[in-house]
Structures are given as C-alpha cells and as structure tokens.
Amino acid sequence: MKALVLLILLFALAFSIIIFKNSTKNICLSNSECEWKITNCCTEDSGAKWECVNVKSFNLTCPKFVICPKFLSPKPNLFCGCEKGKCVVR
C-alpha cells in the first residue's frame, strides 16, 4: 500500500513539473524576451515550425535524425512580443 501511495505521489510530482515547465515557456516582461524560434528541428527550406517563445526559457534539443517535409517555411513576418506577461503573436 505504501509503495502505491509513493508511486502516485511521484507521478503527481513529475506531472506538476511538466505542466509548470510548459506553462512558463512563454512568460515574459518585455518584447526583447520574445522571438520567433524553430521548434521542430527543421530548417526554413524544409518545413520549419515557428513559434513565438521566450528566448530565455527556450531550449530545443534535436534528435540525431529528423524527418522534415520538403516545403519552404520562412520566418513569419507577424509581430512576436510580450503582452500581458506572455509572448504572443499579432
């Protein structure tokens, strides 16, 4: 019984850390903290997926091999900046 309770507590802790990490990736104080970044490890000429993120907390780790579609995906021209404490696109 104790092992089950401990397992549930560890799962809840791990889940909380994941949720907290994902919820803080776009928190900002100024426009300079937000930038367009590629989030799928592909290049602009091979289907890059762009997101407006906080550059201080952005950390992309790419696998050794990535399968990318063959289409152009240039950096968006839309505004990526800080509004109400979050990196947003407008």
PDB file of N, CA and C in Angstrom:
ATOM      1  N   MET A   1       0.821  -1.199   0.000  1.00  0.00           N
ATOM      2  CA  MET A   1       0.000   0.000   0.000  1.00  0.00           C
ATOM      3  C   MET A   1       0.868   1.269   0.000  1.00  0.00           C
ATOM      4  N   LYS A   2       1.930   1.249   0.829  1.00  0.00           N
ATOM      5  CA  LYS A   2       2.822   2.402   0.891  1.00  0.00           C
ATOM      6  C   LYS A   2       3.513   2.632  -0.446  1.00  0.00           C
ATOM      7  N   ALA A   3       3.854   1.545  -1.111  1.00  0.00           N
ATOM      8  CA  ALA A   3       4.514   1.662  -2.416  1.00  0.00           C
ATOM      9  C   ALA A   3       3.575   2.314  -3.430  1.00  0.00           C
ATOM     10  N   LEU A   4       2.314   1.966  -3.380  1.00  0.00           N
ATOM     11  CA  LEU A   4       1.330   2.547  -4.296  1.00  0.00           C
ATOM     12  C   LEU A   4       1.162   4.042  -4.032  1.00  0.00           C
ATOM     13  N   VAL A   5       1.086   4.442  -2.789  1.00  0.00           N
ATOM     14  CA  VAL A   5       0.958   5.849  -2.418  1.00  0.00           C
ATOM     15  C   VAL A   5       2.197   6.614  -2.873  1.00  0.00           C
ATOM     16  N   LEU A   6       3.364   6.037  -2.650  1.00  0.00           N
ATOM     17  CA  LEU A   6       4.607   6.675  -3.078  1.00  0.00           C
ATOM     18  C   LEU A   6       4.661   6.819  -4.595  1.00  0.00           C
ATOM     19  N   LEU A   7       4.243   5.804  -5.293  1.00  0.00           N
ATOM     20  CA  LEU A   7       4.207   5.851  -6.760  1.00  0.00           C
ATOM     21  C   LEU A   7       3.261   6.939  -7.250  1.00  0.00           C
ATOM     22  N   ILE A   8       2.104   7.058  -6.639  1.00  0.00           N
ATOM     23  CA  ILE A   8       1.134   8.093  -7.013  1.00  0.00           C
ATOM     24  C   ILE A   8       1.710   9.477  -6.735  1.00  0.00           C
ATOM     25  N   LEU A   9       2.369   9.656  -5.603  1.00  0.00           N
ATOM     26  CA  LEU A   9       2.977  10.952  -5.277  1.00  0.00           C
ATOM     27  C   LEU A   9       4.084  11.321  -6.256  1.00  0.00           C
ATOM     28  N   LEU A  10       4.915  10.360  -6.625  1.00  0.00           N
ATOM     29  CA  LEU A  10       5.978  10.617  -7.596  1.00  0.00           C
ATOM     30  C   LEU A  10       5.403  10.976  -8.956  1.00  0.00           C
ATOM     31  N   PHE A  11       4.360  10.286  -9.379  1.00  0.00           N
ATOM     32  CA  PHE A  11       3.698  10.591 -10.638  1.00  0.00           C
ATOM     33  C   PHE A  11       3.113  12.004 -10.604  1.00  0.00           C
ATOM     34  N   ALA A  12       2.468  12.368  -9.521  1.00  0.00           N
ATOM     35  CA  ALA A  12       1.881  13.704  -9.392  1.00  0.00           C
ATOM     36  C   ALA A  12       2.965  14.776  -9.433  1.00  0.00           C
ATOM     37  N   LEU A  13       4.082  14.546  -8.788  1.00  0.00           N
ATOM     38  CA  LEU A  13       5.197  15.494  -8.801  1.00  0.00           C
ATOM     39  C   LEU A  13       5.760  15.663 -10.213  1.00  0.00           C
ATOM     40  N   ALA A  14       5.985  14.560 -10.906  1.00  0.00           N
ATOM     41  CA  ALA A  14       6.509  14.618 -12.272  1.00  0.00           C
ATOM     42  C   ALA A  14       5.531  15.347 -13.191  1.00  0.00           C
ATOM     43  N   PHE A  15       4.264  15.053 -13.059  1.00  0.00           N
ATOM     44  CA  PHE A  15       3.234  15.704 -13.872  1.00  0.00           C
ATOM     45  C   PHE A  15       3.193  17.207 -13.590  1.00  0.00           C
ATOM     46  N   SER A  16       3.303  17.597 -12.344  1.00  0.00           N
ATOM     47  CA  SER A  16       3.300  19.010 -11.964  1.00  0.00           C
ATOM     48  C   SER A  16       4.494  19.744 -12.558  1.00  0.00           C
ATOM     49  N   ILE A  17       5.651  19.114 -12.551  1.00  0.00           N
ATOM     50  CA  ILE A  17       6.849  19.726 -13.124  1.00  0.00           C
ATOM     51  C   ILE A  17       6.678  19.929 -14.625  1.00  0.00           C
ATOM     52  N   ILE A  18       6.134  18.945 -15.307  1.00  0.00           N
ATOM     53  CA  ILE A  18       5.909  19.062 -16.755  1.00  0.00           C
ATOM     54  C   ILE A  18       4.932  20.186 -17.046  1.00  0.00           C
ATOM     55  N   ILE A  19       3.832  20.255 -16.316  1.00  0.00           N
ATOM     56  CA  ILE A  19       2.836  21.304 -16.515  1.00  0.00           C
ATOM     57  C   ILE A  19       3.455  22.665 -16.235  1.00  0.00           C
ATOM     58  N   PHE A  20       4.214  22.799 -15.160  1.00  0.00           N
ATOM     59  CA  PHE A  20       4.836  24.085 -14.816  1.00  0.00           C
ATOM     60  C   PHE A  20       5.819  24.517 -15.896  1.00  0.00           C
ATOM     61  N   LYS A  21       6.632  23.593 -16.383  1.00  0.00           N
ATOM     62  CA  LYS A  21       7.613  23.923 -17.422  1.00  0.00           C
ATOM     63  C   LYS A  21       6.911  24.413 -18.681  1.00  0.00           C
ATOM     64  N   ASN A  22       5.855  23.731 -19.103  1.00  0.00           N
ATOM     65  CA  ASN A  22       5.126  24.136 -20.307  1.00  0.00           C
ATOM     66  C   ASN A  22       4.371  25.439 -20.108  1.00  0.00           C
ATOM     67  N   SER A  23       3.914  25.701 -18.908  1.00  0.00           N
ATOM     68  CA  SER A  23       3.135  26.916 -18.671  1.00  0.00           C
ATOM     69  C   SER A  23       4.021  28.144 -18.547  1.00  0.00           C
ATOM     70  N   THR A  24       5.313  27.961 -18.286  1.00  0.00           N
ATOM     71  CA  THR A  24       6.202  29.103 -18.123  1.00  0.00           C
ATOM     72  C   THR A  24       7.041  29.403 -19.356  1.00  0.00           C
ATOM     73  N   LYS A  25       6.920  28.616 -20.412  1.00  0.00           N
ATOM     74  CA  LYS A  25       7.807  28.818 -21.557  1.00  0.00           C
ATOM     75  C   LYS A  25       7.540  30.124 -22.293  1.00  0.00           C
ATOM     76  N   ASN A  26       6.369  30.715 -22.131  1.00  0.00           N
ATOM     77  CA  ASN A  26       6.053  31.957 -22.832  1.00  0.00           C
ATOM     78  C   ASN A  26       5.850  33.145 -21.901  1.00  0.00           C
ATOM     79  N   ILE A  27       6.237  33.038 -20.640  1.00  0.00           N
ATOM     80  CA  ILE A  27       6.119  34.151 -19.710  1.00  0.00           C
ATOM     81  C   ILE A  27       7.228  35.160 -20.009  1.00  0.00           C
ATOM     82  N   CYS A  28       6.884  36.457 -19.985  1.00  0.00           N
ATOM     83  CA  CYS A  28       7.868  37.488 -20.320  1.00  0.00           C
ATOM     84  C   CYS A  28       7.579  38.782 -19.566  1.00  0.00           C
ATOM     85  N   LEU A  29       8.565  39.664 -19.606  1.00  0.00           N
ATOM     86  CA  LEU A  29       8.421  41.001 -19.027  1.00  0.00           C
ATOM     87  C   LEU A  29       8.553  42.087 -20.084  1.00  0.00           C
ATOM     88  N   SER A  30       9.258  41.778 -21.189  1.00  0.00           N
ATOM     89  CA  SER A  30       9.462  42.773 -22.246  1.00  0.00           C
ATOM     90  C   SER A  30       9.515  42.103 -23.614  1.00  0.00           C
ATOM     91  N   ASN A  31       9.342  42.906 -24.671  1.00  0.00           N
ATOM     92  CA  ASN A  31       9.376  42.390 -26.036  1.00  0.00           C
ATOM     93  C   ASN A  31      10.698  41.720 -26.376  1.00  0.00           C
ATOM     94  N   SER A  32      11.781  42.192 -25.783  1.00  0.00           N
ATOM     95  CA  SER A  32      13.094  41.641 -26.108  1.00  0.00           C
ATOM     96  C   SER A  32      13.254  40.176 -25.685  1.00  0.00           C
ATOM     97  N   GLU A  33      12.378  39.700 -24.818  1.00  0.00           N
ATOM     98  CA  GLU A  33      12.443  38.312 -24.368  1.00  0.00           C
ATOM     99  C   GLU A  33      11.761  37.350 -25.335  1.00  0.00           C
ATOM    100  N   CYS A  34      10.971  37.875 -26.267  1.00  0.00           N
ATOM    101  CA  CYS A  34      10.191  37.029 -27.168  1.00  0.00           C
ATOM    102  C   CYS A  34      10.763  37.070 -28.587  1.00  0.00           C
ATOM    103  N   GLU A  35      10.883  35.902 -29.196  1.00  0.00           N
ATOM    104  CA  GLU A  35      11.387  35.794 -30.563  1.00  0.00           C
ATOM    105  C   GLU A  35      10.740  34.614 -31.262  1.00  0.00           C
ATOM    106  N   TRP A  36      10.755  34.673 -32.601  1.00  0.00           N
ATOM    107  CA  TRP A  36      10.357  33.532 -33.409  1.00  0.00           C
ATOM    108  C   TRP A  36      11.489  32.511 -33.366  1.00  0.00           C
ATOM    109  N   LYS A  37      11.159  31.273 -33.013  1.00  0.00           N
ATOM    110  CA  LYS A  37      12.136  30.187 -32.981  1.00  0.00           C
ATOM    111  C   LYS A  37      11.548  28.965 -33.686  1.00  0.00           C
ATOM    112  N   ILE A  38      12.419  28.208 -34.329  1.00  0.00           N
ATOM    113  CA  ILE A  38      12.006  26.942 -34.941  1.00  0.00           C
ATOM    114  C   ILE A  38      11.886  25.907 -33.825  1.00  0.00           C
ATOM    115  N   THR A  39      10.761  25.182 -33.808  1.00  0.00           N
ATOM    116  CA  THR A  39      10.510  24.247 -32.708  1.00  0.00           C
ATOM    117  C   THR A  39      10.454  22.781 -33.132  1.00  0.00           C
ATOM    118  N   ASN A  40      10.697  22.493 -34.407  1.00  0.00           N
ATOM    119  CA  ASN A  40      10.651  21.093 -34.846  1.00  0.00           C
ATOM    120  C   ASN A  40      11.970  20.593 -35.428  1.00  0.00           C
ATOM    121  N   CYS A  41      13.042  21.370 -35.277  1.00  0.00           N
ATOM    122  CA  CYS A  41      14.391  20.989 -35.712  1.00  0.00           C
ATOM    123  C   CYS A  41      14.565  20.954 -37.228  1.00  0.00           C
ATOM    124  N   CYS A  42      13.599  21.438 -37.970  1.00  0.00           N
ATOM    125  CA  CYS A  42      13.720  21.517 -39.426  1.00  0.00           C
ATOM    126  C   CYS A  42      14.191  22.921 -39.817  1.00  0.00           C
ATOM    127  N   THR A  43      14.702  23.064 -41.019  1.00  0.00           N
ATOM    128  CA  THR A  43      15.188  24.358 -41.489  1.00  0.00           C
ATOM    129  C   THR A  43      14.084  25.109 -42.226  1.00  0.00           C
ATOM    130  N   GLU A  44      14.351  26.376 -42.531  1.00  0.00           N
ATOM    131  CA  GLU A  44      13.355  27.186 -43.239  1.00  0.00           C
ATOM    132  C   GLU A  44      12.996  26.600 -44.598  1.00  0.00           C
ATOM    133  N   ASP A  45      13.937  25.935 -45.248  1.00  0.00           N
ATOM    134  CA  ASP A  45      13.637  25.355 -46.565  1.00  0.00           C
ATOM    135  C   ASP A  45      13.180  23.903 -46.468  1.00  0.00           C
ATOM    136  N   SER A  46      12.948  23.443 -45.257  1.00  0.00           N
ATOM    137  CA  SER A  46      12.481  22.065 -45.067  1.00  0.00           C
ATOM    138  C   SER A  46      11.393  21.974 -44.007  1.00  0.00           C
ATOM    139  N   GLY A  47      10.403  22.836 -44.091  1.00  0.00           N
ATOM    140  CA  GLY A  47       9.225  22.706 -43.243  1.00  0.00           C
ATOM    141  C   GLY A  47       9.360  23.098 -41.792  1.00  0.00           C
ATOM    142  N   ALA A  48      10.124  24.134 -41.514  1.00  0.00           N
ATOM    143  CA  ALA A  48      10.278  24.585 -40.123  1.00  0.00           C
ATOM    144  C   ALA A  48       8.931  24.939 -39.505  1.00  0.00           C
ATOM    145  N   LYS A  49       8.775  24.606 -38.234  1.00  0.00           N
ATOM    146  CA  LYS A  49       7.590  25.023 -37.477  1.00  0.00           C
ATOM    147  C   LYS A  49       8.044  26.151 -36.561  1.00  0.00           C
ATOM    148  N   TRP A  50       7.479  27.325 -36.747  1.00  0.00           N
ATOM    149  CA  TRP A  50       7.875  28.513 -35.988  1.00  0.00           C
ATOM    150  C   TRP A  50       6.906  28.763 -34.846  1.00  0.00           C
ATOM    151  N   GLU A  51       7.463  29.171 -33.692  1.00  0.00           N
ATOM    152  CA  GLU A  51       6.641  29.569 -32.548  1.00  0.00           C
ATOM    153  C   GLU A  51       7.237  30.812 -31.916  1.00  0.00           C
ATOM    154  N   CYS A  52       6.389  31.661 -31.376  1.00  0.00           N
ATOM    155  CA  CYS A  52       6.804  32.852 -30.645  1.00  0.00           C
ATOM    156  C   CYS A  52       7.023  32.421 -29.201  1.00  0.00           C
ATOM    157  N   VAL A  53       8.294  32.421 -28.767  1.00  0.00           N
ATOM    158  CA  VAL A  53       8.629  31.896 -27.448  1.00  0.00           C
ATOM    159  C   VAL A  53       9.544  32.848 -26.685  1.00  0.00           C
ATOM    160  N   ASN A  54       9.655  32.619 -25.388  1.00  0.00           N
ATOM    161  CA  ASN A  54      10.598  33.357 -24.564  1.00  0.00           C
ATOM    162  C   ASN A  54      11.982  32.749 -24.792  1.00  0.00           C
ATOM    163  N   VAL A  55      12.912  33.555 -25.304  1.00  0.00           N
ATOM    164  CA  VAL A  55      14.237  33.030 -25.649  1.00  0.00           C
ATOM    165  C   VAL A  55      15.048  32.624 -24.421  1.00  0.00           C
ATOM    166  N   LYS A  56      14.734  33.188 -23.269  1.00  0.00           N
ATOM    167  CA  LYS A  56      15.471  32.830 -22.056  1.00  0.00           C
ATOM    168  C   LYS A  56      15.122  31.420 -21.575  1.00  0.00           C
ATOM    169  N   SER A  57      13.880  31.005 -21.792  1.00  0.00           N
ATOM    170  CA  SER A  57      13.475  29.682 -21.327  1.00  0.00           C
ATOM    171  C   SER A  57      13.391  28.662 -22.457  1.00  0.00           C
ATOM    172  N   PHE A  58      13.627  29.099 -23.694  1.00  0.00           N
ATOM    173  CA  PHE A  58      13.552  28.193 -24.846  1.00  0.00           C
ATOM    174  C   PHE A  58      14.780  27.295 -24.879  1.00  0.00           C
ATOM    175  N   ASN A  59      14.547  26.003 -24.987  1.00  0.00           N
ATOM    176  CA  ASN A  59      15.640  25.040 -25.056  1.00  0.00           C
ATOM    177  C   ASN A  59      15.209  23.902 -25.965  1.00  0.00           C
ATOM    178  N   LEU A  60      15.732  23.894 -27.186  1.00  0.00           N
ATOM    179  CA  LEU A  60      15.369  22.865 -28.155  1.00  0.00           C
ATOM    180  C   LEU A  60      16.492  21.843 -28.251  1.00  0.00           C
ATOM    181  N   THR A  61      16.154  20.602 -28.056  1.00  0.00           N
ATOM    182  CA  THR A  61      17.104  19.506 -28.230  1.00  0.00           C
ATOM    183  C   THR A  61      16.609  18.663 -29.392  1.00  0.00           C
ATOM    184  N   CYS A  62      17.412  18.597 -30.429  1.00  0.00           N
ATOM    185  CA  CYS A  62      17.009  17.873 -31.629  1.00  0.00           C
ATOM    186  C   CYS A  62      17.631  16.477 -31.644  1.00  0.00           C
ATOM    187  N   PRO A  63      16.870  15.499 -32.132  1.00  0.00           N
ATOM    188  CA  PRO A  63      17.436  14.157 -32.276  1.00  0.00           C
ATOM    189  C   PRO A  63      18.481  14.144 -33.398  1.00  0.00           C
ATOM    190  N   LYS A  64      19.250  13.088 -33.454  1.00  0.00           N
ATOM    191  CA  LYS A  64      20.300  12.983 -34.468  1.00  0.00           C
ATOM    192  C   LYS A  64      19.712  13.004 -35.877  1.00  0.00           C
ATOM    193  N   PHE A  65      18.618  12.312 -36.063  1.00  0.00           N
ATOM    194  CA  PHE A  65      17.961  12.266 -37.371  1.00  0.00           C
ATOM    195  C   PHE A  65      16.560  12.850 -37.256  1.00  0.00           C
ATOM    196  N   VAL A  66      16.239  13.772 -38.155  1.00  0.00           N
ATOM    197  CA  VAL A  66      14.924  14.413 -38.164  1.00  0.00           C
ATOM    198  C   VAL A  66      14.342  14.285 -39.569  1.00  0.00           C
ATOM    199  N   ILE A  67      13.109  13.869 -39.655  1.00  0.00           N
ATOM    200  CA  ILE A  67      12.433  13.803 -40.951  1.00  0.00           C
ATOM    201  C   ILE A  67      11.632  15.087 -41.118  1.00  0.00           C
ATOM    202  N   CYS A  68      11.971  15.853 -42.146  1.00  0.00           N
ATOM    203  CA  CYS A  68      11.317  17.139 -42.389  1.00  0.00           C
ATOM    204  C   CYS A  68      10.650  17.142 -43.759  1.00  0.00           C
ATOM    205  N   PRO A  69       9.478  17.763 -43.855  1.00  0.00           N
ATOM    206  CA  PRO A  69       8.819  17.866 -45.161  1.00  0.00           C
ATOM    207  C   PRO A  69       9.592  18.824 -46.065  1.00  0.00           C
ATOM    208  N   LYS A  70       9.490  18.643 -47.349  1.00  0.00           N
ATOM    209  CA  LYS A  70      10.213  19.489 -48.298  1.00  0.00           C
ATOM    210  C   LYS A  70       9.318  20.624 -48.788  1.00  0.00           C
ATOM    211  N   PHE A  71       9.160  21.661 -47.962  1.00  0.00           N
ATOM    212  CA  PHE A  71       8.480  22.879 -48.381  1.00  0.00           C
ATOM    213  C   PHE A  71       9.065  24.061 -47.630  1.00  0.00           C
ATOM    214  N   LEU A  72       8.990  25.212 -48.257  1.00  0.00           N
ATOM    215  CA  LEU A  72       9.525  26.421 -47.650  1.00  0.00           C
ATOM    216  C   LEU A  72       8.659  26.857 -46.479  1.00  0.00           C
ATOM    217  N   SER A  73       9.313  27.258 -45.420  1.00  0.00           N
ATOM    218  CA  SER A  73       8.615  27.751 -44.241  1.00  0.00           C
ATOM    219  C   SER A  73       9.432  28.896 -43.649  1.00  0.00           C
ATOM    220  N   PRO A  74       9.386  30.056 -44.303  1.00  0.00           N
ATOM    221  CA  PRO A  74      10.190  31.184 -43.814  1.00  0.00           C
ATOM    222  C   PRO A  74       9.685  31.706 -42.470  1.00  0.00           C
ATOM    223  N   LYS A  75      10.561  32.420 -41.792  1.00  0.00           N
ATOM    224  CA  LYS A  75      10.217  33.034 -40.513  1.00  0.00           C
ATOM    225  C   LYS A  75       9.021  33.965 -40.717  1.00  0.00           C
ATOM    226  N   PRO A  76       7.997  33.853 -39.871  1.00  0.00           N
ATOM    227  CA  PRO A  76       6.810  34.707 -40.025  1.00  0.00           C
ATOM    228  C   PRO A  76       7.136  36.197 -39.901  1.00  0.00           C
ATOM    229  N   ASN A  77       6.376  37.007 -40.623  1.00  0.00           N
ATOM    230  CA  ASN A  77       6.542  38.461 -40.568  1.00  0.00           C
ATOM    231  C   ASN A  77       5.668  39.099 -39.498  1.00  0.00           C
ATOM    232  N   LEU A  78       4.859  38.320 -38.820  1.00  0.00           N
ATOM    233  CA  LEU A  78       3.978  38.843 -37.786  1.00  0.00           C
ATOM    234  C   LEU A  78       4.766  39.264 -36.554  1.00  0.00           C
ATOM    235  N   PHE A  79       4.196  40.164 -35.766  1.00  0.00           N
ATOM    236  CA  PHE A  79       4.810  40.624 -34.523  1.00  0.00           C
ATOM    237  C   PHE A  79       4.839  39.487 -33.510  1.00  0.00           C
ATOM    238  N   CYS A  80       5.992  39.299 -32.888  1.00  0.00           N
ATOM    239  CA  CYS A  80       6.154  38.354 -31.782  1.00  0.00           C
ATOM    240  C   CYS A  80       6.701  39.170 -30.627  1.00  0.00           C
ATOM    241  N   GLY A  81       5.891  39.374 -29.600  1.00  0.00           N
ATOM    242  CA  GLY A  81       6.327  40.205 -28.492  1.00  0.00           C
ATOM    243  C   GLY A  81       5.586  39.883 -27.214  1.00  0.00           C
ATOM    244  N   CYS A  82       5.878  40.681 -26.196  1.00  0.00           N
ATOM    245  CA  CYS A  82       5.333  40.452 -24.862  1.00  0.00           C
ATOM    246  C   CYS A  82       4.093  41.317 -24.636  1.00  0.00           C
ATOM    247  N   GLU A  83       2.993  40.674 -24.303  1.00  0.00           N
ATOM    248  CA  GLU A  83       1.762  41.377 -23.947  1.00  0.00           C
ATOM    249  C   GLU A  83       1.138  40.691 -22.741  1.00  0.00           C
ATOM    250  N   LYS A  84       0.841  41.471 -21.732  1.00  0.00           N
ATOM    251  CA  LYS A  84       0.220  40.944 -20.501  1.00  0.00           C
ATOM    252  C   LYS A  84       1.004  39.774 -19.925  1.00  0.00           C
ATOM    253  N   GLY A  85       2.337  39.850 -20.016  1.00  0.00           N
ATOM    254  CA  GLY A  85       3.184  38.843 -19.409  1.00  0.00           C
ATOM    255  C   GLY A  85       3.400  37.573 -20.203  1.00  0.00           C
ATOM    256  N   LYS A  86       2.929  37.519 -21.457  1.00  0.00           N
ATOM    257  CA  LYS A  86       3.092  36.331 -22.273  1.00  0.00           C
ATOM    258  C   LYS A  86       3.600  36.700 -23.663  1.00  0.00           C
ATOM    259  N   CYS A  87       4.432  35.831 -24.248  1.00  0.00           N
ATOM    260  CA  CYS A  87       4.863  36.022 -25.628  1.00  0.00           C
ATOM    261  C   CYS A  87       3.683  35.685 -26.531  1.00  0.00           C
ATOM    262  N   VAL A  88       3.313  36.648 -27.376  1.00  0.00           N
ATOM    263  CA  VAL A  88       2.139  36.494 -28.229  1.00  0.00           C
ATOM    264  C   VAL A  88       2.453  36.904 -29.668  1.00  0.00           C
ATOM    265  N   VAL A  89       1.600  36.498 -30.575  1.00  0.00           N
ATOM    266  CA  VAL A  89       1.681  36.859 -31.986  1.00  0.00           C
ATOM    267  C   VAL A  89       0.511  37.751 -32.309  1.00  0.00           C
ATOM    268  N   ARG A  90       0.808  38.843 -33.046  1.00  0.00           N
ATOM    269  CA  ARG A  90      -0.299  39.659 -33.566  1.00  0.00           C
ATOM    270  C   ARG A  90       0.056  40.214 -34.908  1.00  0.00           C
TER     271      ARG A  90
END
